[in-house]
Amino acid sequence: MDIHARKLLTVVTEAAIEGVLVRDVERLGAHGYTVTDARGKGHRGVRGAGWEASANIRLEVVCDEATARSIAAHLRDHYYANYAMILFVADVDVLRPEKF
């Protein structure tokens, strides 16, 4: 079995900016993404999913390292100052590299 190294870029942020984030990650080279609802607590307090204005999402992208770096830098530069957002990158192995 051949495995191939990729990066998993995970963004947890406010649901209100999902549409613009999706457009950004696609424009910056992501071949796809997954969005799920998220809840939790951080330095900005508890963020539940009880009403849309306080809902969070988890956006995940599997991609090559250059794409992960490009997306991460863009999100940091354009969203960190004004939105509750965390971002992390992990190494992952995939079986079908052409999808990522």
PDB file of N, CA and C in Angstrom:
ATOM      1  N   MET A   1       0.844  -1.168   0.000  1.00  0.00           N
ATOM      2  CA  MET A   1       0.000   0.000   0.000  1.00  0.00           C
ATOM      3  C   MET A   1       0.898   1.242   0.000  1.00  0.00           C
ATOM      4  N   ASP A   2       0.668   2.135  -0.943  1.00  0.00           N
ATOM      5  CA  ASP A   2       1.407   3.386  -1.022  1.00  0.00           C
ATOM      6  C   ASP A   2       0.681   4.468  -0.241  1.00  0.00           C
ATOM      7  N   ILE A   3       1.418   5.136   0.639  1.00  0.00           N
ATOM      8  CA  ILE A   3       0.845   6.262   1.356  1.00  0.00           C
ATOM      9  C   ILE A   3       1.639   7.510   0.990  1.00  0.00           C
ATOM     10  N   HIS A   4       0.956   8.647   1.059  1.00  0.00           N
ATOM     11  CA  HIS A   4       1.550   9.914   0.637  1.00  0.00           C
ATOM     12  C   HIS A   4       1.295  10.971   1.700  1.00  0.00           C
ATOM     13  N   ALA A   5       2.316  11.746   2.016  1.00  0.00           N
ATOM     14  CA  ALA A   5       2.222  12.769   3.056  1.00  0.00           C
ATOM     15  C   ALA A   5       1.458  13.992   2.557  1.00  0.00           C
ATOM     16  N   ARG A   6       0.561  14.473   3.387  1.00  0.00           N
ATOM     17  CA  ARG A   6      -0.166  15.713   3.142  1.00  0.00           C
ATOM     18  C   ARG A   6      -0.318  16.428   4.476  1.00  0.00           C
ATOM     19  N   LYS A   7      -0.923  17.598   4.453  1.00  0.00           N
ATOM     20  CA  LYS A   7      -1.201  18.370   5.659  1.00  0.00           C
ATOM     21  C   LYS A   7      -2.712  18.431   5.880  1.00  0.00           C
ATOM     22  N   LEU A   8      -3.112  18.383   7.128  1.00  0.00           N
ATOM     23  CA  LEU A   8      -4.500  18.607   7.521  1.00  0.00           C
ATOM     24  C   LEU A   8      -4.551  19.968   8.188  1.00  0.00           C
ATOM     25  N   LEU A   9      -5.184  20.915   7.521  1.00  0.00           N
ATOM     26  CA  LEU A   9      -5.364  22.266   8.040  1.00  0.00           C
ATOM     27  C   LEU A   9      -6.745  22.326   8.670  1.00  0.00           C
ATOM     28  N   THR A  10      -6.813  22.665   9.946  1.00  0.00           N
ATOM     29  CA  THR A  10      -8.081  22.739  10.668  1.00  0.00           C
ATOM     30  C   THR A  10      -8.294  24.160  11.169  1.00  0.00           C
ATOM     31  N   VAL A  11      -9.473  24.695  10.890  1.00  0.00           N
ATOM     32  CA  VAL A  11      -9.842  26.040  11.316  1.00  0.00           C
ATOM     33  C   VAL A  11     -11.125  25.927  12.128  1.00  0.00           C
ATOM     34  N   VAL A  12     -11.118  26.453  13.337  1.00  0.00           N
ATOM     35  CA  VAL A  12     -12.334  26.539  14.148  1.00  0.00           C
ATOM     36  C   VAL A  12     -12.625  28.022  14.296  1.00  0.00           C
ATOM     37  N   THR A  13     -13.826  28.402  13.849  1.00  0.00           N
ATOM     38  CA  THR A  13     -14.149  29.824  13.820  1.00  0.00           C
ATOM     39  C   THR A  13     -15.651  30.042  13.843  1.00  0.00           C
ATOM     40  N   GLU A  14     -16.044  31.279  13.715  1.00  0.00           N
ATOM     41  CA  GLU A  14     -17.444  31.677  13.756  1.00  0.00           C
ATOM     42  C   GLU A  14     -18.183  31.235  12.484  1.00  0.00           C
ATOM     43  N   ALA A  15     -19.346  30.641  12.670  1.00  0.00           N
ATOM     44  CA  ALA A  15     -20.143  30.157  11.539  1.00  0.00           C
ATOM     45  C   ALA A  15     -20.537  31.284  10.592  1.00  0.00           C
ATOM     46  N   ALA A  16     -20.621  32.487  11.084  1.00  0.00           N
ATOM     47  CA  ALA A  16     -21.052  33.623  10.265  1.00  0.00           C
ATOM     48  C   ALA A  16     -20.147  33.881   9.067  1.00  0.00           C
ATOM     49  N   ILE A  17     -18.885  33.430   9.130  1.00  0.00           N
ATOM     50  CA  ILE A  17     -17.968  33.695   8.017  1.00  0.00           C
ATOM     51  C   ILE A  17     -17.684  32.449   7.171  1.00  0.00           C
ATOM     52  N   GLU A  18     -18.503  31.421   7.323  1.00  0.00           N
ATOM     53  CA  GLU A  18     -18.284  30.184   6.561  1.00  0.00           C
ATOM     54  C   GLU A  18     -18.206  30.433   5.057  1.00  0.00           C
ATOM     55  N   GLY A  19     -19.138  31.163   4.503  1.00  0.00           N
ATOM     56  CA  GLY A  19     -19.182  31.373   3.057  1.00  0.00           C
ATOM     57  C   GLY A  19     -17.920  32.002   2.508  1.00  0.00           C
ATOM     58  N   VAL A  20     -17.439  33.037   3.156  1.00  0.00           N
ATOM     59  CA  VAL A  20     -16.240  33.715   2.681  1.00  0.00           C
ATOM     60  C   VAL A  20     -15.001  32.843   2.885  1.00  0.00           C
ATOM     61  N   LEU A  21     -14.957  32.070   3.970  1.00  0.00           N
ATOM     62  CA  LEU A  21     -13.816  31.172   4.188  1.00  0.00           C
ATOM     63  C   LEU A  21     -13.749  30.097   3.116  1.00  0.00           C
ATOM     64  N   VAL A  22     -14.888  29.526   2.787  1.00  0.00           N
ATOM     65  CA  VAL A  22     -14.934  28.492   1.749  1.00  0.00           C
ATOM     66  C   VAL A  22     -14.423  29.058   0.421  1.00  0.00           C
ATOM     67  N   ARG A  23     -14.865  30.237   0.070  1.00  0.00           N
ATOM     68  CA  ARG A  23     -14.375  30.869  -1.174  1.00  0.00           C
ATOM     69  C   ARG A  23     -12.870  31.096  -1.108  1.00  0.00           C
ATOM     70  N   ASP A  24     -12.379  31.540   0.037  1.00  0.00           N
ATOM     71  CA  ASP A  24     -10.944  31.788   0.191  1.00  0.00           C
ATOM     72  C   ASP A  24     -10.131  30.513   0.029  1.00  0.00           C
ATOM     73  N   VAL A  25     -10.514  29.434   0.716  1.00  0.00           N
ATOM     74  CA  VAL A  25      -9.695  28.215   0.648  1.00  0.00           C
ATOM     75  C   VAL A  25      -9.712  27.610  -0.756  1.00  0.00           C
ATOM     76  N   GLU A  26     -10.842  27.712  -1.444  1.00  0.00           N
ATOM     77  CA  GLU A  26     -10.880  27.216  -2.821  1.00  0.00           C
ATOM     78  C   GLU A  26     -10.003  28.071  -3.730  1.00  0.00           C
ATOM     79  N   ARG A  27     -10.084  29.377  -3.588  1.00  0.00           N
ATOM     80  CA  ARG A  27      -9.279  30.292  -4.405  1.00  0.00           C
ATOM     81  C   ARG A  27      -7.788  30.086  -4.149  1.00  0.00           C
ATOM     82  N   LEU A  28      -7.443  29.704  -2.931  1.00  0.00           N
ATOM     83  CA  LEU A  28      -6.038  29.518  -2.566  1.00  0.00           C
ATOM     84  C   LEU A  28      -5.520  28.109  -2.853  1.00  0.00           C
ATOM     85  N   GLY A  29      -6.330  27.276  -3.512  1.00  0.00           N
ATOM     86  CA  GLY A  29      -5.810  26.005  -4.010  1.00  0.00           C
ATOM     87  C   GLY A  29      -6.336  24.732  -3.392  1.00  0.00           C
ATOM     88  N   ALA A  30      -7.227  24.810  -2.419  1.00  0.00           N
ATOM     89  CA  ALA A  30      -7.781  23.583  -1.834  1.00  0.00           C
ATOM     90  C   ALA A  30      -8.666  22.878  -2.861  1.00  0.00           C
ATOM     91  N   HIS A  31      -8.517  21.578  -2.969  1.00  0.00           N
ATOM     92  CA  HIS A  31      -9.335  20.796  -3.885  1.00  0.00           C
ATOM     93  C   HIS A  31     -10.694  20.461  -3.281  1.00  0.00           C
ATOM     94  N   GLY A  32     -10.798  20.568  -1.981  1.00  0.00           N
ATOM     95  CA  GLY A  32     -12.040  20.271  -1.274  1.00  0.00           C
ATOM     96  C   GLY A  32     -11.894  20.651   0.182  1.00  0.00           C
ATOM     97  N   TYR A  33     -12.950  20.461   0.945  1.00  0.00           N
ATOM     98  CA  TYR A  33     -12.958  20.815   2.354  1.00  0.00           C
ATOM     99  C   TYR A  33     -14.124  20.099   3.023  1.00  0.00           C
ATOM    100  N   THR A  34     -14.088  20.070   4.337  1.00  0.00           N
ATOM    101  CA  THR A  34     -15.188  19.536   5.144  1.00  0.00           C
ATOM    102  C   THR A  34     -15.531  20.580   6.189  1.00  0.00           C
ATOM    103  N   VAL A  35     -16.821  20.839   6.365  1.00  0.00           N
ATOM    104  CA  VAL A  35     -17.283  21.773   7.387  1.00  0.00           C
ATOM    105  C   VAL A  35     -18.238  21.031   8.318  1.00  0.00           C
ATOM    106  N   THR A  36     -17.998  21.158   9.630  1.00  0.00           N
ATOM    107  CA  THR A  36     -18.882  20.582  10.635  1.00  0.00           C
ATOM    108  C   THR A  36     -19.173  21.641  11.692  1.00  0.00           C
ATOM    109  N   ASP A  37     -20.270  21.452  12.409  1.00  0.00           N
ATOM    110  CA  ASP A  37     -20.594  22.336  13.524  1.00  0.00           C
ATOM    111  C   ASP A  37     -19.634  22.047  14.670  1.00  0.00           C
ATOM    112  N   ALA A  38     -19.318  23.074  15.450  1.00  0.00           N
ATOM    113  CA  ALA A  38     -18.384  22.912  16.562  1.00  0.00           C
ATOM    114  C   ALA A  38     -18.865  23.719  17.763  1.00  0.00           C
ATOM    115  N   ARG A  39     -18.535  23.229  18.950  1.00  0.00           N
ATOM    116  CA  ARG A  39     -18.830  23.933  20.195  1.00  0.00           C
ATOM    117  C   ARG A  39     -17.579  23.874  21.054  1.00  0.00           C
ATOM    118  N   GLY A  40     -17.434  24.827  21.968  1.00  0.00           N
ATOM    119  CA  GLY A  40     -16.286  24.780  22.857  1.00  0.00           C
ATOM    120  C   GLY A  40     -16.096  26.064  23.620  1.00  0.00           C
ATOM    121  N   LYS A  41     -14.957  26.141  24.301  1.00  0.00           N
ATOM    122  CA  LYS A  41     -14.626  27.306  25.109  1.00  0.00           C
ATOM    123  C   LYS A  41     -13.190  27.704  24.807  1.00  0.00           C
ATOM    124  N   GLY A  42     -12.975  28.989  24.673  1.00  0.00           N
ATOM    125  CA  GLY A  42     -11.647  29.539  24.456  1.00  0.00           C
ATOM    126  C   GLY A  42     -11.510  30.848  25.186  1.00  0.00           C
ATOM    127  N   HIS A  43     -10.514  31.624  24.811  1.00  0.00           N
ATOM    128  CA  HIS A  43     -10.284  32.883  25.525  1.00  0.00           C
ATOM    129  C   HIS A  43     -11.402  33.896  25.301  1.00  0.00           C
ATOM    130  N   ARG A  44     -12.240  33.683  24.301  1.00  0.00           N
ATOM    131  CA  ARG A  44     -13.389  34.569  24.083  1.00  0.00           C
ATOM    132  C   ARG A  44     -14.662  34.011  24.726  1.00  0.00           C
ATOM    133  N   GLY A  45     -14.517  32.972  25.546  1.00  0.00           N
ATOM    134  CA  GLY A  45     -15.657  32.429  26.267  1.00  0.00           C
ATOM    135  C   GLY A  45     -16.237  31.187  25.622  1.00  0.00           C
ATOM    136  N   VAL A  46     -17.383  30.753  26.140  1.00  0.00           N
ATOM    137  CA  VAL A  46     -18.065  29.566  25.639  1.00  0.00           C
ATOM    138  C   VAL A  46     -18.777  29.923  24.346  1.00  0.00           C
ATOM    139  N   ARG A  47     -18.597  29.067  23.337  1.00  0.00           N
ATOM    140  CA  ARG A  47     -19.271  29.254  22.056  1.00  0.00           C
ATOM    141  C   ARG A  47     -20.095  28.004  21.820  1.00  0.00           C
ATOM    142  N   GLY A  48     -21.404  28.149  21.944  1.00  0.00           N
ATOM    143  CA  GLY A  48     -22.309  27.029  21.737  1.00  0.00           C
ATOM    144  C   GLY A  48     -22.928  27.100  20.358  1.00  0.00           C
ATOM    145  N   ALA A  49     -23.891  26.260  20.122  1.00  0.00           N
ATOM    146  CA  ALA A  49     -24.590  26.272  18.837  1.00  0.00           C
ATOM    147  C   ALA A  49     -26.062  26.579  19.043  1.00  0.00           C
ATOM    148  N   GLY A  50     -26.386  27.180  20.186  1.00  0.00           N
ATOM    149  CA  GLY A  50     -27.773  27.447  20.519  1.00  0.00           C
ATOM    150  C   GLY A  50     -28.465  28.433  19.608  1.00  0.00           C
ATOM    151  N   TRP A  51     -27.736  29.384  19.090  1.00  0.00           N
ATOM    152  CA  TRP A  51     -28.298  30.321  18.120  1.00  0.00           C
ATOM    153  C   TRP A  51     -27.205  30.694  17.142  1.00  0.00           C
ATOM    154  N   GLU A  52     -27.593  31.016  15.940  1.00  0.00           N
ATOM    155  CA  GLU A  52     -26.646  31.174  14.831  1.00  0.00           C
ATOM    156  C   GLU A  52     -25.550  32.189  15.103  1.00  0.00           C
ATOM    157  N   ALA A  53     -25.863  33.262  15.780  1.00  0.00           N
ATOM    158  CA  ALA A  53     -24.873  34.311  16.021  1.00  0.00           C
ATOM    159  C   ALA A  53     -23.714  33.835  16.893  1.00  0.00           C
ATOM    160  N   SER A  54     -23.912  32.765  17.664  1.00  0.00           N
ATOM    161  CA  SER A  54     -22.820  32.283  18.515  1.00  0.00           C
ATOM    162  C   SER A  54     -22.304  30.922  18.067  1.00  0.00           C
ATOM    163  N   ALA A  55     -22.729  30.447  16.911  1.00  0.00           N
ATOM    164  CA  ALA A  55     -22.325  29.123  16.435  1.00  0.00           C
ATOM    165  C   ALA A  55     -20.899  29.149  15.895  1.00  0.00           C
ATOM    166  N   ASN A  56     -20.227  28.020  16.016  1.00  0.00           N
ATOM    167  CA  ASN A  56     -18.885  27.816  15.474  1.00  0.00           C
ATOM    168  C   ASN A  56     -18.913  26.724  14.423  1.00  0.00           C
ATOM    169  N   ILE A  57     -17.929  26.755  13.550  1.00  0.00           N
ATOM    170  CA  ILE A  57     -17.709  25.672  12.592  1.00  0.00           C
ATOM    171  C   ILE A  57     -16.274  25.183  12.702  1.00  0.00           C
ATOM    172  N   ARG A  58     -16.069  23.990  12.203  1.00  0.00           N
ATOM    173  CA  ARG A  58     -14.734  23.417  12.060  1.00  0.00           C
ATOM    174  C   ARG A  58     -14.564  23.143  10.573  1.00  0.00           C
ATOM    175  N   LEU A  59     -13.640  23.841   9.931  1.00  0.00           N
ATOM    176  CA  LEU A  59     -13.371  23.681   8.513  1.00  0.00           C
ATOM    177  C   LEU A  59     -12.046  22.936   8.380  1.00  0.00           C
ATOM    178  N   GLU A  60     -12.049  21.826   7.643  1.00  0.00           N
ATOM    179  CA  GLU A  60     -10.843  21.017   7.487  1.00  0.00           C
ATOM    180  C   GLU A  60     -10.494  20.878   6.012  1.00  0.00           C
ATOM    181  N   VAL A  61      -9.200  21.006   5.727  1.00  0.00           N
ATOM    182  CA  VAL A  61      -8.689  20.883   4.371  1.00  0.00           C
ATOM    183  C   VAL A  61      -7.483  19.955   4.398  1.00  0.00           C
ATOM    184  N   VAL A  62      -7.482  18.925   3.563  1.00  0.00           N
ATOM    185  CA  VAL A  62      -6.295  18.097   3.358  1.00  0.00           C
ATOM    186  C   VAL A  62      -5.656  18.583   2.069  1.00  0.00           C
ATOM    187  N   CYS A  63      -4.372  18.937   2.150  1.00  0.00           N
ATOM    188  CA  CYS A  63      -3.709  19.550   1.001  1.00  0.00           C
ATOM    189  C   CYS A  63      -2.196  19.382   1.123  1.00  0.00           C
ATOM    190  N   ASP A  64      -1.482  19.876   0.132  1.00  0.00           N
ATOM    191  CA  ASP A  64      -0.027  19.852   0.222  1.00  0.00           C
ATOM    192  C   ASP A  64       0.447  20.970   1.159  1.00  0.00           C
ATOM    193  N   GLU A  65       1.721  20.924   1.511  1.00  0.00           N
ATOM    194  CA  GLU A  65       2.249  21.872   2.494  1.00  0.00           C
ATOM    195  C   GLU A  65       2.176  23.321   2.006  1.00  0.00           C
ATOM    196  N   ALA A  66       2.479  23.560   0.748  1.00  0.00           N
ATOM    197  CA  ALA A  66       2.459  24.927   0.219  1.00  0.00           C
ATOM    198  C   ALA A  66       1.053  25.529   0.294  1.00  0.00           C
ATOM    199  N   THR A  67       0.058  24.732  -0.033  1.00  0.00           N
ATOM    200  CA  THR A  67      -1.330  25.211   0.032  1.00  0.00           C
ATOM    201  C   THR A  67      -1.728  25.484   1.476  1.00  0.00           C
ATOM    202  N   ALA A  68      -1.359  24.595   2.389  1.00  0.00           N
ATOM    203  CA  ALA A  68      -1.671  24.796   3.810  1.00  0.00           C
ATOM    204  C   ALA A  68      -1.039  26.086   4.321  1.00  0.00           C
ATOM    205  N   ARG A  69       0.203  26.339   3.960  1.00  0.00           N
ATOM    206  CA  ARG A  69       0.885  27.564   4.394  1.00  0.00           C
ATOM    207  C   ARG A  69       0.213  28.813   3.819  1.00  0.00           C
ATOM    208  N   SER A  70      -0.165  28.742   2.548  1.00  0.00           N
ATOM    209  CA  SER A  70      -0.815  29.873   1.891  1.00  0.00           C
ATOM    210  C   SER A  70      -2.157  30.203   2.537  1.00  0.00           C
ATOM    211  N   ILE A  71      -2.964  29.176   2.775  1.00  0.00           N
ATOM    212  CA  ILE A  71      -4.275  29.387   3.406  1.00  0.00           C
ATOM    213  C   ILE A  71      -4.100  29.914   4.828  1.00  0.00           C
ATOM    214  N   ALA A  72      -3.185  29.306   5.592  1.00  0.00           N
ATOM    215  CA  ALA A  72      -2.969  29.724   6.977  1.00  0.00           C
ATOM    216  C   ALA A  72      -2.544  31.191   7.051  1.00  0.00           C
ATOM    217  N   ALA A  73      -1.622  31.602   6.192  1.00  0.00           N
ATOM    218  CA  ALA A  73      -1.149  32.984   6.195  1.00  0.00           C
ATOM    219  C   ALA A  73      -2.283  33.945   5.839  1.00  0.00           C
ATOM    220  N   HIS A  74      -3.089  33.584   4.855  1.00  0.00           N
ATOM    221  CA  HIS A  74      -4.214  34.433   4.452  1.00  0.00           C
ATOM    222  C   HIS A  74      -5.223  34.582   5.594  1.00  0.00           C
ATOM    223  N   LEU A  75      -5.576  33.482   6.230  1.00  0.00           N
ATOM    224  CA  LEU A  75      -6.545  33.558   7.328  1.00  0.00           C
ATOM    225  C   LEU A  75      -5.998  34.383   8.483  1.00  0.00           C
ATOM    226  N   ARG A  76      -4.739  34.175   8.814  1.00  0.00           N
ATOM    227  CA  ARG A  76      -4.117  34.966   9.888  1.00  0.00           C
ATOM    228  C   ARG A  76      -4.178  36.461   9.559  1.00  0.00           C
ATOM    229  N   ASP A  77      -3.801  36.808   8.346  1.00  0.00           N
ATOM    230  CA  ASP A  77      -3.721  38.212   7.958  1.00  0.00           C
ATOM    231  C   ASP A  77      -5.080  38.886   7.802  1.00  0.00           C
ATOM    232  N   HIS A  78      -6.115  38.134   7.445  1.00  0.00           N
ATOM    233  CA  HIS A  78      -7.408  38.739   7.136  1.00  0.00           C
ATOM    234  C   HIS A  78      -8.508  38.527   8.183  1.00  0.00           C
ATOM    235  N   TYR A  79      -8.336  37.568   9.100  1.00  0.00           N
ATOM    236  CA  TYR A  79      -9.443  37.248  10.008  1.00  0.00           C
ATOM    237  C   TYR A  79      -9.083  37.244  11.492  1.00  0.00           C
ATOM    238  N   TYR A  80      -7.840  36.974  11.829  1.00  0.00           N
ATOM    239  CA  TYR A  80      -7.482  36.818  13.239  1.00  0.00           C
ATOM    240  C   TYR A  80      -7.865  38.028  14.092  1.00  0.00           C
ATOM    241  N   ALA A  81      -7.699  39.213  13.593  1.00  0.00           N
ATOM    242  CA  ALA A  81      -7.925  40.417  14.400  1.00  0.00           C
ATOM    243  C   ALA A  81      -9.397  40.633  14.747  1.00  0.00           C
ATOM    244  N   ASN A  82     -10.305  40.126  13.904  1.00  0.00           N
ATOM    245  CA  ASN A  82     -11.718  40.466  14.075  1.00  0.00           C
ATOM    246  C   ASN A  82     -12.650  39.298  14.368  1.00  0.00           C
ATOM    247  N   TYR A  83     -12.152  38.081  14.335  1.00  0.00           N
ATOM    248  CA  TYR A  83     -13.019  36.915  14.534  1.00  0.00           C
ATOM    249  C   TYR A  83     -12.377  35.947  15.516  1.00  0.00           C
ATOM    250  N   ALA A  84     -13.226  35.241  16.256  1.00  0.00           N
ATOM    251  CA  ALA A  84     -12.745  34.146  17.087  1.00  0.00           C
ATOM    252  C   ALA A  84     -12.305  33.042  16.128  1.00  0.00           C
ATOM    253  N   MET A  85     -11.018  32.725  16.118  1.00  0.00           N
ATOM    254  CA  MET A  85     -10.510  31.740  15.167  1.00  0.00           C
ATOM    255  C   MET A  85      -9.247  31.098  15.717  1.00  0.00           C
ATOM    256  N   ILE A  86      -9.185  29.783  15.605  1.00  0.00           N
ATOM    257  CA  ILE A  86      -7.937  29.074  15.838  1.00  0.00           C
ATOM    258  C   ILE A  86      -7.650  28.245  14.599  1.00  0.00           C
ATOM    259  N   LEU A  87      -6.402  27.976  14.393  1.00  0.00           N
ATOM    260  CA  LEU A  87      -5.976  27.253  13.208  1.00  0.00           C
ATOM    261  C   LEU A  87      -4.821  26.349  13.608  1.00  0.00           C
ATOM    262  N   PHE A  88      -4.854  25.115  13.149  1.00  0.00           N
ATOM    263  CA  PHE A  88      -3.705  24.239  13.385  1.00  0.00           C
ATOM    264  C   PHE A  88      -3.493  23.327  12.190  1.00  0.00           C
ATOM    265  N   VAL A  89      -2.255  22.860  12.055  1.00  0.00           N
ATOM    266  CA  VAL A  89      -1.848  22.034  10.923  1.00  0.00           C
ATOM    267  C   VAL A  89      -1.226  20.763  11.478  1.00  0.00           C
ATOM    268  N   ALA A  90      -1.604  19.622  10.889  1.00  0.00           N
ATOM    269  CA  ALA A  90      -1.063  18.331  11.301  1.00  0.00           C
ATOM    270  C   ALA A  90      -0.630  17.545  10.077  1.00  0.00           C
ATOM    271  N   ASP A  91       0.329  16.665  10.275  1.00  0.00           N
ATOM    272  CA  ASP A  91       0.745  15.760   9.216  1.00  0.00           C
ATOM    273  C   ASP A  91      -0.258  14.615   9.118  1.00  0.00           C
ATOM    274  N   VAL A  92      -0.656  14.274   7.894  1.00  0.00           N
ATOM    275  CA  VAL A  92      -1.529  13.135   7.656  1.00  0.00           C
ATOM    276  C   VAL A  92      -0.994  12.350   6.462  1.00  0.00           C
ATOM    277  N   ASP A  93      -1.366  11.088   6.377  1.00  0.00           N
ATOM    278  CA  ASP A  93      -1.029  10.248   5.239  1.00  0.00           C
ATOM    279  C   ASP A  93      -2.304   9.908   4.498  1.00  0.00           C
ATOM    280  N   VAL A  94      -2.251   9.955   3.166  1.00  0.00           N
ATOM    281  CA  VAL A  94      -3.417   9.663   2.357  1.00  0.00           C
ATOM    282  C   VAL A  94      -3.071   8.544   1.368  1.00  0.00           C
ATOM    283  N   LEU A  95      -4.113   7.858   0.897  1.00  0.00           N
ATOM    284  CA  LEU A  95      -3.917   6.762  -0.050  1.00  0.00           C
ATOM    285  C   LEU A  95      -4.149   7.199  -1.501  1.00  0.00           C
ATOM    286  N   ARG A  96      -4.910   8.242  -1.700  1.00  0.00           N
ATOM    287  CA  ARG A  96      -5.182   8.729  -3.060  1.00  0.00           C
ATOM    288  C   ARG A  96      -4.703  10.179  -3.184  1.00  0.00           C
ATOM    289  N   PRO A  97      -3.427  10.397  -3.424  1.00  0.00           N
ATOM    290  CA  PRO A  97      -2.864  11.749  -3.395  1.00  0.00           C
ATOM    291  C   PRO A  97      -3.449  12.676  -4.453  1.00  0.00           C
ATOM    292  N   GLU A  98      -3.958  12.138  -5.545  1.00  0.00           N
ATOM    293  CA  GLU A  98      -4.510  12.985  -6.611  1.00  0.00           C
ATOM    294  C   GLU A  98      -5.749  13.751  -6.149  1.00  0.00           C
ATOM    295  N   LYS A  99      -6.379  13.322  -5.066  1.00  0.00           N
ATOM    296  CA  LYS A  99      -7.570  14.006  -4.545  1.00  0.00           C
ATOM    297  C   LYS A  99      -7.204  15.246  -3.735  1.00  0.00           C
ATOM    298  N   PHE A 100      -5.920  15.376  -3.379  1.00  0.00           N
ATOM    299  CA  PHE A 100      -5.513  16.445  -2.476  1.00  0.00           C
ATOM    300  C   PHE A 100      -4.407  17.280  -3.086  1.00  0.00           C
TER     301      PHE A 100
END
